[in-house]
Amino acid sequence: MSKKIASAKKDEKNIPFIHIIISSIIGTLFYYIFIAIFALSALESSINQSSYFIAGLILSGVAGLISGFISVKLTKEKGMFFGGLTGFIQSVFSSIIIFCLNKGTAGKGIFVLIGLTTLMSAVGGVIAVNIKKKIKY
């Protein structure tokens, strides 16, 4: 009987990690969907090429905010830690894809991308923890 209880407690400890990985994947998907939408709009309009990096950072921050929010809403605890961890994992996923697309090279901006995504995911986690549920009467 005690083995079943110990197994159940072990499974409960793994659930936040699974939520973090799923949220990181969702955030990465949001990031690349946002980038695709921006790329399509850049093709149709005359957006200056110097704004591509800044737009990528902004979109990465928004995707990080979303993934941190989702992660902490699922785990319902430790907003800054779980949100930041989600953002870091998301930025690692994105960095791997960027390295593959750039044939193994990336500029110094990749470190800014990692830092910004991690920071914005932590902010999203803090927001998710602090949102109060509506009281139904």
C-alpha atoms as a PDB file:
ATOM      1  CA  MET A   1       0.000   0.000   0.000  1.00  0.00           C
ATOM      2  CA  SER A   2       2.783   2.445   0.843  1.00  0.00           C
ATOM      3  CA  LYS A   3       4.415   1.802  -2.551  1.00  0.00           C
ATOM      4  CA  LYS A   4       1.291   3.083  -4.288  1.00  0.00           C
ATOM      5  CA  ILE A   5       1.300   6.250  -2.188  1.00  0.00           C
ATOM      6  CA  ALA A   6       4.993   6.826  -2.859  1.00  0.00           C
ATOM      7  CA  SER A   7       4.391   6.264  -6.585  1.00  0.00           C
ATOM      8  CA  ALA A   8       1.506   8.737  -6.593  1.00  0.00           C
ATOM      9  CA  LYS A   9       3.647  11.378  -4.856  1.00  0.00           C
ATOM     10  CA  LYS A  10       6.435  10.791  -7.369  1.00  0.00           C
ATOM     11  CA  ASP A  11       3.992  11.280 -10.250  1.00  0.00           C
ATOM     12  CA  GLU A  12       2.706  14.518  -8.702  1.00  0.00           C
ATOM     13  CA  LYS A  13       6.245  15.901  -8.635  1.00  0.00           C
ATOM     14  CA  ASN A  14       6.717  15.203 -12.356  1.00  0.00           C
ATOM     15  CA  ILE A  15       3.547  17.015 -13.412  1.00  0.00           C
ATOM     16  CA  PRO A  16       4.962  20.586 -13.157  1.00  0.00           C
ATOM     17  CA  PHE A  17       7.892  19.582 -15.352  1.00  0.00           C
ATOM     18  CA  ILE A  18       5.502  18.191 -17.976  1.00  0.00           C
ATOM     19  CA  HIS A  19       3.450  21.406 -17.849  1.00  0.00           C
ATOM     20  CA  ILE A  20       6.630  23.454 -18.274  1.00  0.00           C
ATOM     21  CA  ILE A  21       7.737  21.444 -21.324  1.00  0.00           C
ATOM     22  CA  ILE A  22       4.275  21.647 -22.917  1.00  0.00           C
ATOM     23  CA  SER A  23       4.090  25.394 -22.267  1.00  0.00           C
ATOM     24  CA  SER A  24       7.566  25.860 -23.739  1.00  0.00           C
ATOM     25  CA  ILE A  25       6.519  24.062 -26.909  1.00  0.00           C
ATOM     26  CA  ILE A  26       3.335  26.149 -27.102  1.00  0.00           C
ATOM     27  CA  GLY A  27       5.369  29.332 -26.627  1.00  0.00           C
ATOM     28  CA  THR A  28       7.810  28.294 -29.346  1.00  0.00           C
ATOM     29  CA  LEU A  29       4.917  27.617 -31.709  1.00  0.00           C
ATOM     30  CA  PHE A  30       3.420  31.028 -30.908  1.00  0.00           C
ATOM     31  CA  TYR A  31       6.813  32.646 -31.571  1.00  0.00           C
ATOM     32  CA  TYR A  32       7.141  31.098 -35.011  1.00  0.00           C
ATOM     33  CA  ILE A  33       3.511  31.825 -35.890  1.00  0.00           C
ATOM     34  CA  PHE A  34       4.097  35.478 -34.938  1.00  0.00           C
ATOM     35  CA  ILE A  35       7.315  35.521 -36.994  1.00  0.00           C
ATOM     36  CA  ALA A  36       5.483  34.029 -39.997  1.00  0.00           C
ATOM     37  CA  ILE A  37       2.754  36.665 -39.768  1.00  0.00           C
ATOM     38  CA  PHE A  38       5.389  39.395 -39.504  1.00  0.00           C
ATOM     39  CA  ALA A  39       7.282  37.962 -42.486  1.00  0.00           C
ATOM     40  CA  LEU A  40       4.130  37.924 -44.612  1.00  0.00           C
ATOM     41  CA  SER A  41       3.353  41.507 -43.659  1.00  0.00           C
ATOM     42  CA  ALA A  42       6.963  42.521 -44.358  1.00  0.00           C
ATOM     43  CA  LEU A  43       6.709  41.055 -47.857  1.00  0.00           C
ATOM     44  CA  GLU A  44       3.563  43.044 -48.586  1.00  0.00           C
ATOM     45  CA  SER A  45       4.821  46.341 -47.209  1.00  0.00           C
ATOM     46  CA  SER A  46       8.073  48.217 -47.326  1.00  0.00           C
ATOM     47  CA  ILE A  47       9.321  47.474 -43.810  1.00  0.00           C
ATOM     48  CA  ASN A  48      12.952  48.422 -43.303  1.00  0.00           C
ATOM     49  CA  GLN A  49      15.319  45.486 -42.742  1.00  0.00           C
ATOM     50  CA  SER A  50      16.794  47.127 -39.663  1.00  0.00           C
ATOM     51  CA  SER A  51      13.495  46.597 -37.860  1.00  0.00           C
ATOM     52  CA  TYR A  52      13.555  42.794 -38.302  1.00  0.00           C
ATOM     53  CA  PHE A  53      15.714  42.162 -35.240  1.00  0.00           C
ATOM     54  CA  ILE A  54      13.671  44.463 -33.028  1.00  0.00           C
ATOM     55  CA  ALA A  55      10.427  42.899 -34.260  1.00  0.00           C
ATOM     56  CA  GLY A  56      11.854  39.444 -33.537  1.00  0.00           C
ATOM     57  CA  LEU A  57      12.689  40.488 -29.984  1.00  0.00           C
ATOM     58  CA  ILE A  58       9.245  41.981 -29.407  1.00  0.00           C
ATOM     59  CA  LEU A  59       7.537  38.876 -30.772  1.00  0.00           C
ATOM     60  CA  SER A  60       9.795  36.667 -28.655  1.00  0.00           C
ATOM     61  CA  GLY A  61       8.845  38.650 -25.567  1.00  0.00           C
ATOM     62  CA  VAL A  62       5.133  38.347 -26.327  1.00  0.00           C
ATOM     63  CA  ALA A  63       5.444  34.599 -26.941  1.00  0.00           C
ATOM     64  CA  GLY A  64       7.437  34.287 -23.708  1.00  0.00           C
ATOM     65  CA  LEU A  65       4.764  36.166 -21.793  1.00  0.00           C
ATOM     66  CA  ILE A  66       2.121  33.791 -23.151  1.00  0.00           C
ATOM     67  CA  SER A  67       4.119  30.642 -22.389  1.00  0.00           C
ATOM     68  CA  GLY A  68       4.972  31.779 -18.851  1.00  0.00           C
ATOM     69  CA  PHE A  69       1.337  32.615 -18.210  1.00  0.00           C
ATOM     70  CA  ILE A  70       0.158  29.215 -19.508  1.00  0.00           C
ATOM     71  CA  SER A  71       2.805  27.328 -17.556  1.00  0.00           C
ATOM     72  CA  VAL A  72       1.977  28.903 -14.223  1.00  0.00           C
ATOM     73  CA  LYS A  73      -1.778  28.718 -14.802  1.00  0.00           C
ATOM     74  CA  LEU A  74      -1.330  24.950 -15.191  1.00  0.00           C
ATOM     75  CA  THR A  75       0.983  24.492 -12.198  1.00  0.00           C
ATOM     76  CA  LYS A  76      -0.648  27.192 -10.014  1.00  0.00           C
ATOM     77  CA  GLU A  77       2.541  27.841  -8.026  1.00  0.00           C
ATOM     78  CA  LYS A  78       5.994  29.448  -8.095  1.00  0.00           C
ATOM     79  CA  GLY A  79       5.205  32.016 -10.770  1.00  0.00           C
ATOM     80  CA  MET A  80       8.589  33.595 -11.309  1.00  0.00           C
ATOM     81  CA  PHE A  81      10.558  30.333 -11.134  1.00  0.00           C
ATOM     82  CA  PHE A  82       8.298  28.194 -13.330  1.00  0.00           C
ATOM     83  CA  GLY A  83       7.666  31.078 -15.724  1.00  0.00           C
ATOM     84  CA  GLY A  84      11.374  31.815 -16.085  1.00  0.00           C
ATOM     85  CA  LEU A  85      12.201  28.143 -16.536  1.00  0.00           C
ATOM     86  CA  THR A  86       9.543  27.893 -19.227  1.00  0.00           C
ATOM     87  CA  GLY A  87      11.006  30.901 -21.012  1.00  0.00           C
ATOM     88  CA  PHE A  88      14.526  29.537 -20.820  1.00  0.00           C
ATOM     89  CA  ILE A  89      13.473  26.184 -22.268  1.00  0.00           C
ATOM     90  CA  GLN A  90      11.448  27.969 -24.947  1.00  0.00           C
ATOM     91  CA  SER A  91      14.429  30.124 -25.900  1.00  0.00           C
ATOM     92  CA  VAL A  92      16.669  27.053 -26.077  1.00  0.00           C
ATOM     93  CA  PHE A  93      14.160  25.427 -28.465  1.00  0.00           C
ATOM     94  CA  SER A  94      14.099  28.597 -30.570  1.00  0.00           C
ATOM     95  CA  SER A  95      17.897  28.913 -30.503  1.00  0.00           C
ATOM     96  CA  ILE A  96      18.349  25.347 -31.733  1.00  0.00           C
ATOM     97  CA  ILE A  97      16.014  26.054 -34.644  1.00  0.00           C
ATOM     98  CA  ILE A  98      17.782  29.355 -35.395  1.00  0.00           C
ATOM     99  CA  PHE A  99      21.187  27.630 -35.357  1.00  0.00           C
ATOM    100  CA  CYS A 100      19.908  24.976 -37.761  1.00  0.00           C
ATOM    101  CA  LEU A 101      18.453  27.576 -40.128  1.00  0.00           C
ATOM    102  CA  ASN A 102      21.652  29.661 -40.058  1.00  0.00           C
ATOM    103  CA  LYS A 103      23.947  26.672 -40.669  1.00  0.00           C
ATOM    104  CA  GLY A 104      25.365  26.677 -37.153  1.00  0.00           C
ATOM    105  CA  THR A 105      26.014  30.374 -36.776  1.00  0.00           C
ATOM    106  CA  ALA A 106      24.096  33.046 -34.948  1.00  0.00           C
ATOM    107  CA  GLY A 107      25.021  36.514 -33.822  1.00  0.00           C
ATOM    108  CA  LYS A 108      25.267  37.986 -30.363  1.00  0.00           C
ATOM    109  CA  GLY A 109      21.577  38.804 -30.568  1.00  0.00           C
ATOM    110  CA  ILE A 110      20.734  35.221 -29.660  1.00  0.00           C
ATOM    111  CA  PHE A 111      21.809  35.944 -26.075  1.00  0.00           C
ATOM    112  CA  VAL A 112      19.509  38.965 -25.974  1.00  0.00           C
ATOM    113  CA  LEU A 113      16.703  36.738 -27.289  1.00  0.00           C
ATOM    114  CA  ILE A 114      17.334  34.154 -24.551  1.00  0.00           C
ATOM    115  CA  GLY A 115      17.427  36.786 -21.807  1.00  0.00           C
ATOM    116  CA  LEU A 116      14.349  38.636 -23.010  1.00  0.00           C
ATOM    117  CA  THR A 117      12.284  35.475 -23.457  1.00  0.00           C
ATOM    118  CA  THR A 118      13.249  34.230 -19.998  1.00  0.00           C
ATOM    119  CA  LEU A 119      12.450  37.590 -18.404  1.00  0.00           C
ATOM    120  CA  MET A 120       9.098  37.976 -20.134  1.00  0.00           C
ATOM    121  CA  SER A 121       8.098  34.403 -19.272  1.00  0.00           C
ATOM    122  CA  ALA A 122       8.878  35.092 -15.629  1.00  0.00           C
ATOM    123  CA  VAL A 123       6.685  38.209 -15.845  1.00  0.00           C
ATOM    124  CA  GLY A 124       3.911  36.113 -17.418  1.00  0.00           C
ATOM    125  CA  GLY A 125       4.250  33.628 -14.567  1.00  0.00           C
ATOM    126  CA  VAL A 126       3.980  36.354 -11.954  1.00  0.00           C
ATOM    127  CA  ILE A 127       0.897  37.752 -13.682  1.00  0.00           C
ATOM    128  CA  ALA A 128      -0.697  34.282 -13.767  1.00  0.00           C
ATOM    129  CA  VAL A 129      -0.113  33.731 -10.049  1.00  0.00           C
ATOM    130  CA  ASN A 130      -1.486  37.131  -9.076  1.00  0.00           C
ATOM    131  CA  ILE A 131      -4.720  36.987 -11.073  1.00  0.00           C
ATOM    132  CA  LYS A 132      -7.550  36.535  -8.640  1.00  0.00           C
ATOM    133  CA  LYS A 133     -10.427  34.242  -9.509  1.00  0.00           C
ATOM    134  CA  LYS A 134     -13.847  35.822  -9.659  1.00  0.00           C
ATOM    135  CA  ILE A 135     -16.039  34.975  -6.705  1.00  0.00           C
ATOM    136  CA  LYS A 136     -19.409  33.603  -7.751  1.00  0.00           C
ATOM    137  CA  TYR A 137     -22.372  34.530  -5.589  1.00  0.00           C
END
